[in-house]
N, C-alpha and C. Protein backbone atom coordinates (compact mmCIF):
# COMPACT_ATOMS: atom_id res chain seq x y z
N MET A 1 0.84 -1.18 0.00
CA MET A 1 0.00 0.00 0.00
C MET A 1 0.88 1.24 0.00
N LYS A 2 0.39 2.25 -0.70
CA LYS A 2 1.11 3.51 -0.77
C LYS A 2 0.16 4.61 -0.31
N VAL A 3 0.61 5.46 0.61
CA VAL A 3 -0.22 6.53 1.17
C VAL A 3 0.23 7.87 0.60
N LEU A 4 -0.74 8.59 0.02
CA LEU A 4 -0.47 9.89 -0.58
C LEU A 4 -1.32 10.95 0.09
N GLY A 5 -0.75 12.09 0.39
CA GLY A 5 -1.52 13.19 0.94
C GLY A 5 -2.36 13.84 -0.15
N CYS A 6 -3.25 14.74 0.26
CA CYS A 6 -4.02 15.51 -0.70
C CYS A 6 -4.13 16.95 -0.19
N SER A 7 -4.95 17.75 -0.82
CA SER A 7 -5.02 19.18 -0.48
C SER A 7 -5.72 19.47 0.84
N ILE A 8 -6.35 18.46 1.46
CA ILE A 8 -6.98 18.65 2.76
C ILE A 8 -6.13 17.93 3.80
N PRO A 9 -5.57 18.65 4.77
CA PRO A 9 -4.71 18.02 5.77
C PRO A 9 -5.43 16.88 6.50
N GLY A 10 -4.71 15.77 6.67
CA GLY A 10 -5.26 14.62 7.38
C GLY A 10 -6.03 13.66 6.50
N CYS A 11 -6.32 14.05 5.26
CA CYS A 11 -6.98 13.16 4.29
C CYS A 11 -5.89 12.51 3.44
N TYR A 12 -6.11 11.25 3.14
CA TYR A 12 -5.10 10.51 2.38
C TYR A 12 -5.74 9.65 1.31
N VAL A 13 -5.06 9.58 0.17
CA VAL A 13 -5.40 8.63 -0.88
C VAL A 13 -4.48 7.43 -0.66
N ILE A 14 -5.08 6.25 -0.57
CA ILE A 14 -4.30 5.04 -0.33
C ILE A 14 -4.37 4.19 -1.59
N GLU A 15 -3.22 3.98 -2.19
CA GLU A 15 -3.15 3.12 -3.37
C GLU A 15 -2.95 1.69 -2.90
N LEU A 16 -3.93 0.86 -3.18
CA LEU A 16 -3.88 -0.54 -2.76
C LEU A 16 -3.05 -1.33 -3.77
N ASP A 17 -2.42 -2.38 -3.31
CA ASP A 17 -1.51 -3.17 -4.13
C ASP A 17 -2.14 -4.53 -4.45
N PRO A 18 -2.76 -4.68 -5.63
CA PRO A 18 -3.42 -5.94 -5.94
C PRO A 18 -2.42 -7.04 -6.34
N PHE A 19 -2.79 -8.26 -6.02
CA PHE A 19 -2.08 -9.43 -6.54
C PHE A 19 -2.94 -9.95 -7.68
N VAL A 20 -2.38 -9.96 -8.88
CA VAL A 20 -3.14 -10.33 -10.08
C VAL A 20 -2.53 -11.58 -10.69
N ASP A 21 -3.37 -12.56 -10.98
CA ASP A 21 -2.93 -13.75 -11.71
C ASP A 21 -4.05 -14.20 -12.64
N ALA A 22 -3.92 -15.38 -13.20
CA ALA A 22 -4.88 -15.88 -14.19
C ALA A 22 -6.29 -16.02 -13.62
N ARG A 23 -6.43 -16.13 -12.31
CA ARG A 23 -7.74 -16.28 -11.68
C ARG A 23 -8.46 -14.96 -11.52
N GLY A 24 -7.71 -13.86 -11.45
CA GLY A 24 -8.29 -12.55 -11.19
C GLY A 24 -7.41 -11.76 -10.25
N ASP A 25 -8.04 -11.00 -9.36
CA ASP A 25 -7.31 -10.10 -8.48
C ASP A 25 -7.58 -10.45 -7.01
N PHE A 26 -6.59 -10.19 -6.17
CA PHE A 26 -6.71 -10.32 -4.73
C PHE A 26 -6.14 -9.04 -4.14
N VAL A 27 -6.95 -8.31 -3.34
CA VAL A 27 -6.55 -6.99 -2.87
C VAL A 27 -6.76 -6.88 -1.37
N LYS A 28 -5.73 -6.45 -0.65
CA LYS A 28 -5.86 -6.13 0.77
C LYS A 28 -6.49 -4.75 0.87
N LEU A 29 -7.65 -4.66 1.54
CA LEU A 29 -8.37 -3.39 1.65
C LEU A 29 -7.91 -2.54 2.82
N PHE A 30 -7.39 -3.17 3.85
CA PHE A 30 -7.04 -2.43 5.06
C PHE A 30 -5.90 -3.13 5.77
N SER A 31 -5.01 -2.32 6.35
CA SER A 31 -3.95 -2.84 7.20
C SER A 31 -3.63 -1.79 8.25
N ASP A 32 -3.74 -2.17 9.52
CA ASP A 32 -3.40 -1.20 10.55
C ASP A 32 -1.90 -1.01 10.69
N SER A 33 -1.13 -1.67 9.83
CA SER A 33 0.31 -1.48 9.84
C SER A 33 0.71 -0.13 9.23
N LEU A 34 -0.26 0.59 8.64
CA LEU A 34 0.04 1.91 8.09
C LEU A 34 0.05 2.93 9.23
N ILE A 35 0.98 2.75 10.12
CA ILE A 35 1.14 3.62 11.27
C ILE A 35 1.97 4.82 10.82
N PRO A 36 1.68 6.04 11.21
CA PRO A 36 0.74 6.42 12.25
C PRO A 36 -0.68 6.68 11.76
N LEU A 37 -0.91 6.55 10.46
CA LEU A 37 -2.22 6.87 9.90
C LEU A 37 -3.36 6.16 10.62
N PHE A 38 -3.19 4.87 10.90
CA PHE A 38 -4.28 4.09 11.50
C PHE A 38 -4.06 3.76 12.97
N GLN A 39 -3.15 4.43 13.66
CA GLN A 39 -2.84 4.06 15.03
C GLN A 39 -4.05 4.14 15.96
N ASP A 40 -4.96 5.08 15.72
CA ASP A 40 -6.14 5.21 16.56
C ASP A 40 -7.42 4.79 15.84
N PHE A 41 -7.30 4.23 14.65
CA PHE A 41 -8.46 3.86 13.84
C PHE A 41 -8.82 2.40 14.13
N ARG A 42 -9.94 2.22 14.81
CA ARG A 42 -10.45 0.88 15.12
C ARG A 42 -11.83 0.77 14.51
N ILE A 43 -11.98 -0.08 13.53
CA ILE A 43 -13.24 -0.19 12.80
C ILE A 43 -14.34 -0.66 13.74
N ARG A 44 -15.41 0.14 13.82
CA ARG A 44 -16.58 -0.18 14.65
C ARG A 44 -17.76 -0.64 13.81
N GLU A 45 -17.92 -0.06 12.62
CA GLU A 45 -19.02 -0.44 11.73
C GLU A 45 -18.54 -0.37 10.29
N VAL A 46 -19.18 -1.19 9.45
CA VAL A 46 -18.89 -1.21 8.02
C VAL A 46 -20.23 -1.11 7.28
N PHE A 47 -20.30 -0.20 6.31
CA PHE A 47 -21.51 0.00 5.51
C PHE A 47 -21.14 -0.06 4.04
N PHE A 48 -22.14 -0.25 3.19
CA PHE A 48 -21.93 0.00 1.78
C PHE A 48 -23.21 0.58 1.20
N SER A 49 -23.05 1.39 0.16
CA SER A 49 -24.19 1.92 -0.58
C SER A 49 -24.09 1.41 -2.00
N HIS A 50 -25.23 1.08 -2.55
CA HIS A 50 -25.31 0.61 -3.92
C HIS A 50 -26.14 1.66 -4.66
N SER A 51 -25.57 2.29 -5.67
CA SER A 51 -26.23 3.43 -6.32
C SER A 51 -26.34 3.24 -7.83
N LYS A 52 -27.41 3.80 -8.35
CA LYS A 52 -27.61 3.84 -9.80
C LYS A 52 -26.76 4.98 -10.36
N GLU A 53 -26.47 4.91 -11.64
CA GLU A 53 -25.71 5.97 -12.30
C GLU A 53 -26.45 7.31 -12.15
N GLY A 54 -25.71 8.36 -11.82
CA GLY A 54 -26.29 9.68 -11.68
C GLY A 54 -26.80 10.02 -10.29
N VAL A 55 -26.64 9.12 -9.35
CA VAL A 55 -27.04 9.39 -7.96
C VAL A 55 -25.94 10.20 -7.29
N VAL A 56 -26.33 11.23 -6.54
CA VAL A 56 -25.40 11.98 -5.69
C VAL A 56 -25.79 11.71 -4.25
N ARG A 57 -24.82 11.32 -3.44
CA ARG A 57 -25.00 11.13 -2.00
C ARG A 57 -24.03 12.07 -1.29
N GLY A 58 -24.53 12.81 -0.30
CA GLY A 58 -23.62 13.67 0.45
C GLY A 58 -24.20 15.06 0.60
N MET A 59 -23.44 15.83 1.27
CA MET A 59 -22.11 15.68 1.85
C MET A 59 -22.30 15.38 3.34
N HIS A 60 -21.89 14.22 3.79
CA HIS A 60 -22.21 13.71 5.13
C HIS A 60 -21.01 13.64 6.06
N LEU A 61 -21.33 13.73 7.36
CA LEU A 61 -20.40 13.43 8.44
C LEU A 61 -21.22 13.32 9.72
N GLN A 62 -20.60 12.80 10.76
CA GLN A 62 -21.25 12.73 12.06
C GLN A 62 -20.58 13.71 12.99
N THR A 63 -21.39 14.35 13.84
CA THR A 63 -20.87 15.34 14.78
C THR A 63 -20.59 14.67 16.13
N PRO A 64 -19.77 15.34 16.96
CA PRO A 64 -19.45 14.79 18.28
C PRO A 64 -20.71 14.57 19.11
N PRO A 65 -20.71 13.58 19.96
CA PRO A 65 -19.62 12.66 20.29
C PRO A 65 -19.56 11.42 19.40
N PHE A 66 -20.31 11.41 18.29
CA PHE A 66 -20.32 10.27 17.38
C PHE A 66 -19.54 10.54 16.10
N ASP A 67 -18.69 11.57 16.12
CA ASP A 67 -17.86 11.86 14.95
C ASP A 67 -16.93 10.68 14.68
N HIS A 68 -16.53 10.55 13.43
CA HIS A 68 -15.69 9.40 13.12
C HIS A 68 -14.71 9.68 11.99
N ASN A 69 -13.64 8.89 12.04
CA ASN A 69 -12.73 8.76 10.92
C ASN A 69 -13.35 7.72 10.01
N LYS A 70 -13.06 7.81 8.72
CA LYS A 70 -13.72 6.94 7.76
C LYS A 70 -12.72 6.50 6.69
N LEU A 71 -12.83 5.26 6.29
CA LEU A 71 -12.08 4.74 5.15
C LEU A 71 -13.11 4.38 4.09
N VAL A 72 -12.96 4.92 2.87
CA VAL A 72 -13.94 4.76 1.80
C VAL A 72 -13.26 4.17 0.58
N LEU A 73 -13.94 3.21 -0.07
CA LEU A 73 -13.45 2.69 -1.33
C LEU A 73 -14.60 2.23 -2.21
N CYS A 74 -14.35 2.20 -3.50
CA CYS A 74 -15.35 1.80 -4.48
C CYS A 74 -15.14 0.32 -4.79
N LEU A 75 -16.17 -0.48 -4.50
CA LEU A 75 -16.09 -1.93 -4.72
C LEU A 75 -16.59 -2.35 -6.09
N ALA A 76 -17.49 -1.57 -6.68
CA ALA A 76 -18.03 -1.86 -8.01
C ALA A 76 -18.37 -0.55 -8.69
N GLY A 77 -18.14 -0.48 -9.99
CA GLY A 77 -18.46 0.73 -10.73
C GLY A 77 -17.43 1.82 -10.55
N GLU A 78 -17.90 3.07 -10.58
CA GLU A 78 -17.01 4.22 -10.48
C GLU A 78 -17.75 5.36 -9.76
N ALA A 79 -17.03 6.04 -8.88
CA ALA A 79 -17.61 7.14 -8.12
C ALA A 79 -16.73 8.38 -8.24
N PHE A 80 -17.38 9.52 -8.45
CA PHE A 80 -16.71 10.81 -8.36
C PHE A 80 -16.83 11.20 -6.89
N ASP A 81 -15.75 11.06 -6.14
CA ASP A 81 -15.77 11.19 -4.70
C ASP A 81 -15.32 12.59 -4.29
N VAL A 82 -16.01 13.18 -3.31
CA VAL A 82 -15.75 14.56 -2.92
C VAL A 82 -15.61 14.65 -1.40
N LEU A 83 -14.63 15.43 -0.95
CA LEU A 83 -14.44 15.73 0.47
C LEU A 83 -14.50 17.24 0.63
N VAL A 84 -15.02 17.71 1.78
CA VAL A 84 -14.98 19.13 2.10
C VAL A 84 -14.60 19.27 3.57
N ASP A 85 -13.65 20.14 3.83
CA ASP A 85 -13.10 20.35 5.16
C ASP A 85 -14.02 21.28 5.95
N LEU A 86 -14.54 20.80 7.08
CA LEU A 86 -15.43 21.59 7.94
C LEU A 86 -14.81 21.86 9.31
N ARG A 87 -13.48 21.76 9.40
CA ARG A 87 -12.78 21.97 10.67
C ARG A 87 -12.32 23.43 10.78
N VAL A 88 -12.92 24.15 11.72
CA VAL A 88 -12.58 25.56 11.93
C VAL A 88 -11.08 25.67 12.25
N GLY A 89 -10.42 26.60 11.58
CA GLY A 89 -8.99 26.80 11.78
C GLY A 89 -8.11 26.01 10.82
N SER A 90 -8.70 25.14 10.03
CA SER A 90 -7.93 24.37 9.06
C SER A 90 -7.49 25.28 7.92
N PRO A 91 -6.28 25.08 7.40
CA PRO A 91 -5.86 25.88 6.25
C PRO A 91 -6.71 25.60 5.01
N SER A 92 -7.48 24.51 5.02
CA SER A 92 -8.34 24.21 3.87
C SER A 92 -9.82 24.26 4.25
N TYR A 93 -10.16 24.99 5.32
CA TYR A 93 -11.56 25.09 5.76
C TYR A 93 -12.45 25.54 4.61
N GLY A 94 -13.54 24.78 4.37
CA GLY A 94 -14.49 25.10 3.32
C GLY A 94 -14.05 24.69 1.93
N LYS A 95 -12.83 24.22 1.81
CA LYS A 95 -12.31 23.80 0.51
C LYS A 95 -12.65 22.34 0.26
N SER A 96 -12.66 21.97 -1.01
CA SER A 96 -13.00 20.60 -1.37
C SER A 96 -11.84 19.91 -2.09
N PHE A 97 -11.94 18.61 -2.14
CA PHE A 97 -11.01 17.74 -2.87
C PHE A 97 -11.85 16.70 -3.55
N ASP A 98 -11.56 16.42 -4.82
CA ASP A 98 -12.32 15.38 -5.51
C ASP A 98 -11.37 14.43 -6.23
N ILE A 99 -11.85 13.20 -6.38
CA ILE A 99 -11.07 12.14 -7.03
C ILE A 99 -12.04 11.09 -7.55
N LYS A 100 -11.70 10.49 -8.66
CA LYS A 100 -12.51 9.37 -9.15
C LYS A 100 -11.99 8.08 -8.51
N LEU A 101 -12.90 7.34 -7.93
CA LEU A 101 -12.58 6.02 -7.39
C LEU A 101 -13.26 4.99 -8.28
N HIS A 102 -12.49 4.06 -8.79
CA HIS A 102 -12.98 3.02 -9.68
C HIS A 102 -12.66 1.67 -9.07
N SER A 103 -13.57 0.76 -9.21
CA SER A 103 -13.39 -0.57 -8.59
C SER A 103 -12.16 -1.31 -9.13
N ARG A 104 -11.68 -0.93 -10.29
CA ARG A 104 -10.51 -1.61 -10.87
C ARG A 104 -9.22 -0.80 -10.75
N GLN A 105 -9.28 0.32 -10.03
CA GLN A 105 -8.06 1.12 -9.86
C GLN A 105 -7.47 0.99 -8.47
N TYR A 106 -8.18 0.37 -7.56
CA TYR A 106 -7.66 0.00 -6.24
C TYR A 106 -7.10 1.18 -5.45
N LYS A 107 -8.00 2.13 -5.17
CA LYS A 107 -7.64 3.26 -4.32
C LYS A 107 -8.70 3.38 -3.23
N ALA A 108 -8.27 3.89 -2.08
CA ALA A 108 -9.18 4.16 -0.97
C ALA A 108 -8.88 5.57 -0.46
N LEU A 109 -9.82 6.13 0.31
CA LEU A 109 -9.63 7.44 0.92
C LEU A 109 -9.74 7.29 2.43
N PHE A 110 -8.80 7.90 3.14
CA PHE A 110 -8.92 8.02 4.59
C PHE A 110 -9.41 9.43 4.87
N ILE A 111 -10.54 9.54 5.60
CA ILE A 111 -11.19 10.82 5.84
C ILE A 111 -11.27 11.03 7.35
N PRO A 112 -10.63 12.07 7.88
CA PRO A 112 -10.66 12.30 9.33
C PRO A 112 -11.95 12.96 9.79
N LYS A 113 -12.14 12.96 11.10
CA LYS A 113 -13.27 13.65 11.72
C LYS A 113 -13.30 15.10 11.26
N GLY A 114 -14.51 15.59 10.97
CA GLY A 114 -14.66 16.98 10.58
C GLY A 114 -14.56 17.24 9.10
N VAL A 115 -14.38 16.19 8.31
CA VAL A 115 -14.35 16.33 6.86
C VAL A 115 -15.56 15.58 6.29
N ALA A 116 -16.42 16.31 5.58
CA ALA A 116 -17.62 15.71 5.01
C ALA A 116 -17.28 14.96 3.73
N HIS A 117 -18.11 13.93 3.45
CA HIS A 117 -17.88 13.07 2.31
C HIS A 117 -19.15 12.93 1.48
N GLY A 118 -18.98 12.86 0.19
CA GLY A 118 -20.08 12.59 -0.73
C GLY A 118 -19.54 12.07 -2.03
N PHE A 119 -20.43 11.61 -2.89
CA PHE A 119 -19.99 11.13 -4.20
C PHE A 119 -21.13 11.12 -5.19
N CYS A 120 -20.76 11.02 -6.46
CA CYS A 120 -21.69 10.84 -7.56
C CYS A 120 -21.36 9.51 -8.22
N ALA A 121 -22.36 8.65 -8.38
CA ALA A 121 -22.16 7.36 -9.06
C ALA A 121 -22.04 7.62 -10.57
N LEU A 122 -20.93 7.21 -11.15
CA LEU A 122 -20.66 7.45 -12.56
C LEU A 122 -21.04 6.28 -13.44
N GLN A 123 -21.31 5.14 -12.85
CA GLN A 123 -21.69 3.95 -13.60
C GLN A 123 -22.89 3.29 -12.92
N PRO A 124 -23.65 2.52 -13.71
CA PRO A 124 -24.73 1.76 -13.08
C PRO A 124 -24.13 0.79 -12.06
N ASP A 125 -24.86 0.52 -11.01
CA ASP A 125 -24.42 -0.46 -10.00
C ASP A 125 -23.10 -0.09 -9.35
N THR A 126 -22.97 1.16 -8.94
CA THR A 126 -21.77 1.60 -8.22
C THR A 126 -21.94 1.31 -6.73
N THR A 127 -20.96 0.60 -6.17
CA THR A 127 -21.01 0.23 -4.76
C THR A 127 -19.81 0.86 -4.03
N VAL A 128 -20.12 1.63 -3.00
CA VAL A 128 -19.09 2.30 -2.20
C VAL A 128 -19.15 1.74 -0.79
N ALA A 129 -18.00 1.36 -0.23
CA ALA A 129 -17.91 0.82 1.13
C ALA A 129 -17.33 1.87 2.06
N TYR A 130 -17.83 1.86 3.32
CA TYR A 130 -17.41 2.81 4.35
C TYR A 130 -17.03 2.03 5.60
N PHE A 131 -15.81 2.21 6.09
CA PHE A 131 -15.35 1.62 7.34
C PHE A 131 -15.21 2.79 8.31
N VAL A 132 -15.93 2.76 9.44
CA VAL A 132 -15.92 3.89 10.37
C VAL A 132 -15.53 3.44 11.77
N ASP A 133 -15.00 4.39 12.55
CA ASP A 133 -14.53 4.04 13.89
C ASP A 133 -15.44 4.54 15.02
N SER A 134 -16.72 4.78 14.70
CA SER A 134 -17.72 5.06 15.73
C SER A 134 -19.04 4.44 15.29
N LEU A 135 -19.97 4.38 16.21
CA LEU A 135 -21.28 3.84 15.89
C LEU A 135 -22.13 4.91 15.23
N HIS A 136 -23.04 4.49 14.36
CA HIS A 136 -23.93 5.43 13.69
C HIS A 136 -24.93 6.01 14.69
N SER A 137 -25.16 7.30 14.58
CA SER A 137 -26.17 7.99 15.37
C SER A 137 -26.93 8.91 14.44
N ALA A 138 -28.19 8.58 14.17
CA ALA A 138 -29.00 9.38 13.26
C ALA A 138 -29.08 10.84 13.72
N ALA A 139 -29.12 11.06 15.02
CA ALA A 139 -29.22 12.42 15.55
C ALA A 139 -27.94 13.23 15.31
N HIS A 140 -26.83 12.57 15.05
CA HIS A 140 -25.55 13.25 14.85
C HIS A 140 -25.07 13.15 13.40
N ASP A 141 -25.91 12.63 12.53
CA ASP A 141 -25.58 12.44 11.12
C ASP A 141 -26.03 13.68 10.35
N LEU A 142 -25.09 14.58 10.07
CA LEU A 142 -25.40 15.86 9.45
C LEU A 142 -24.55 16.04 8.20
N GLY A 143 -24.48 17.26 7.73
CA GLY A 143 -23.66 17.55 6.57
C GLY A 143 -24.00 18.89 5.97
N VAL A 144 -23.52 19.10 4.75
CA VAL A 144 -23.78 20.33 4.00
C VAL A 144 -24.34 19.95 2.64
N HIS A 145 -25.08 20.88 2.05
CA HIS A 145 -25.70 20.64 0.76
C HIS A 145 -24.62 20.43 -0.30
N TRP A 146 -24.81 19.42 -1.10
CA TRP A 146 -23.81 19.03 -2.10
C TRP A 146 -23.55 20.13 -3.13
N ARG A 147 -24.55 20.91 -3.48
CA ARG A 147 -24.35 21.97 -4.49
C ARG A 147 -23.62 23.19 -3.91
N SER A 148 -23.53 23.29 -2.59
CA SER A 148 -22.87 24.46 -1.99
C SER A 148 -21.35 24.28 -1.90
N VAL A 149 -20.88 23.12 -2.27
CA VAL A 149 -19.45 22.82 -2.24
C VAL A 149 -18.85 23.22 -3.59
N ASP A 150 -17.67 23.81 -3.57
CA ASP A 150 -17.02 24.31 -4.78
C ASP A 150 -16.45 23.14 -5.60
N VAL A 151 -17.38 22.46 -6.29
CA VAL A 151 -17.02 21.29 -7.09
C VAL A 151 -17.85 21.31 -8.37
N GLU A 152 -17.25 20.92 -9.45
CA GLU A 152 -17.99 20.77 -10.70
C GLU A 152 -18.47 19.31 -10.78
N TRP A 153 -19.70 19.08 -10.35
CA TRP A 153 -20.25 17.73 -10.33
C TRP A 153 -20.45 17.23 -11.77
N PRO A 154 -20.17 15.97 -12.04
CA PRO A 154 -20.22 15.44 -13.40
C PRO A 154 -21.61 14.99 -13.85
N VAL A 155 -22.65 15.60 -13.30
CA VAL A 155 -24.02 15.22 -13.67
C VAL A 155 -24.90 16.47 -13.59
N GLU A 156 -25.80 16.62 -14.54
CA GLU A 156 -26.65 17.81 -14.56
C GLU A 156 -27.90 17.66 -13.71
N ASN A 157 -28.57 16.56 -13.80
CA ASN A 157 -29.82 16.33 -13.07
C ASN A 157 -29.72 15.04 -12.26
N PRO A 158 -29.00 15.09 -11.14
CA PRO A 158 -28.79 13.86 -10.37
C PRO A 158 -30.03 13.43 -9.59
N THR A 159 -30.00 12.20 -9.18
CA THR A 159 -30.99 11.69 -8.24
C THR A 159 -30.40 11.92 -6.85
N VAL A 160 -31.15 12.66 -6.01
CA VAL A 160 -30.67 13.04 -4.69
C VAL A 160 -31.80 12.81 -3.69
N SER A 161 -31.47 12.33 -2.51
CA SER A 161 -32.50 12.10 -1.49
C SER A 161 -33.05 13.43 -0.99
N SER A 162 -34.28 13.40 -0.48
CA SER A 162 -34.87 14.61 0.09
C SER A 162 -34.07 15.07 1.31
N ARG A 163 -33.52 14.11 2.06
CA ARG A 163 -32.69 14.45 3.22
C ARG A 163 -31.47 15.25 2.79
N ASP A 164 -30.79 14.80 1.74
CA ASP A 164 -29.59 15.51 1.27
C ASP A 164 -29.94 16.87 0.69
N GLU A 165 -31.08 16.98 0.03
CA GLU A 165 -31.50 18.28 -0.52
C GLU A 165 -31.80 19.28 0.59
N ALA A 166 -32.17 18.78 1.78
CA ALA A 166 -32.52 19.65 2.90
C ALA A 166 -31.31 20.06 3.75
N LEU A 167 -30.13 19.52 3.48
CA LEU A 167 -28.94 19.89 4.26
C LEU A 167 -28.62 21.37 4.05
N PRO A 168 -28.07 22.04 5.06
CA PRO A 168 -27.77 23.47 4.93
C PRO A 168 -26.60 23.70 3.97
N PRO A 169 -26.57 24.87 3.34
CA PRO A 169 -25.41 25.18 2.51
C PRO A 169 -24.16 25.33 3.38
N LEU A 170 -23.03 25.17 2.76
CA LEU A 170 -21.75 25.26 3.46
C LEU A 170 -21.64 26.52 4.30
N GLY A 171 -22.05 27.66 3.78
CA GLY A 171 -21.93 28.92 4.49
C GLY A 171 -22.79 29.04 5.74
N ARG A 172 -23.78 28.17 5.89
CA ARG A 172 -24.65 28.21 7.08
C ARG A 172 -24.41 27.05 8.03
N PHE A 173 -23.45 26.18 7.73
CA PHE A 173 -23.16 25.05 8.61
C PHE A 173 -22.37 25.57 9.80
N GLU A 174 -22.88 25.33 11.01
CA GLU A 174 -22.18 25.73 12.23
C GLU A 174 -21.33 24.57 12.69
N SER A 175 -20.07 24.64 12.41
CA SER A 175 -19.17 23.52 12.64
C SER A 175 -18.77 23.38 14.10
N PRO A 176 -18.90 22.15 14.63
CA PRO A 176 -18.41 21.87 15.97
C PRO A 176 -16.96 21.37 15.96
N PHE A 177 -16.34 21.35 14.79
CA PHE A 177 -15.01 20.77 14.64
C PHE A 177 -13.92 21.83 14.64
N MET A 178 -12.85 21.56 15.39
CA MET A 178 -11.67 22.41 15.38
C MET A 178 -10.54 21.64 14.73
N PHE A 179 -9.73 22.33 13.97
CA PHE A 179 -8.61 21.69 13.29
C PHE A 179 -7.49 21.40 14.27
N LEU A 180 -7.07 20.17 14.28
CA LEU A 180 -5.89 19.75 15.04
C LEU A 180 -4.97 19.05 14.06
N ASP A 181 -3.68 19.30 14.14
CA ASP A 181 -2.77 18.60 13.25
C ASP A 181 -2.93 17.10 13.47
N GLY A 182 -3.05 16.38 12.38
CA GLY A 182 -3.21 14.93 12.43
C GLY A 182 -1.89 14.22 12.54
N PRO A 183 -1.93 12.90 12.36
CA PRO A 183 -0.72 12.11 12.46
C PRO A 183 0.31 12.50 11.40
N LYS A 184 1.52 12.41 11.75
CA LYS A 184 2.62 12.72 10.81
C LYS A 184 3.09 11.42 10.17
N SER A 185 3.29 11.49 8.87
CA SER A 185 3.76 10.28 8.18
C SER A 185 5.23 10.36 7.89
């Protein structure tokens, strides 16, 4: 595995190393040996979403005391994945980062507490997996409106849930998160 930083401090793109032979591929999705990145990351729950092409999900995160670090990867199809920094005091506060995750490119994203996540499904039957280090709490599951993030979404008329459409714009989100320098690699 290879860990690469991105424009949002504490967020990382992880290039997974597949073993490929005549039978197909074998890929390690997670290893806590990537210290210090995963030194405090203990998986508590695992979810996946299965989306039709043109679906936008996001921009989500959980607030304290149920905030969490998250590891995200695309298991099938392709996703235009977006992060936005909501940590007050961060040099990238309010800024976004986007990357295409494809099931055959073997990349994952590590997303720290205080960074919202969303994506657009670029192919039919796109499946995205989420590994989180806290339990889900509906009362603490918030976010910002996907269109309020400075991103050029690759779809004109997406399918979006009523819940996501009702999220506040970035400029009206009252963040409970403060920026703290993350682990050093």
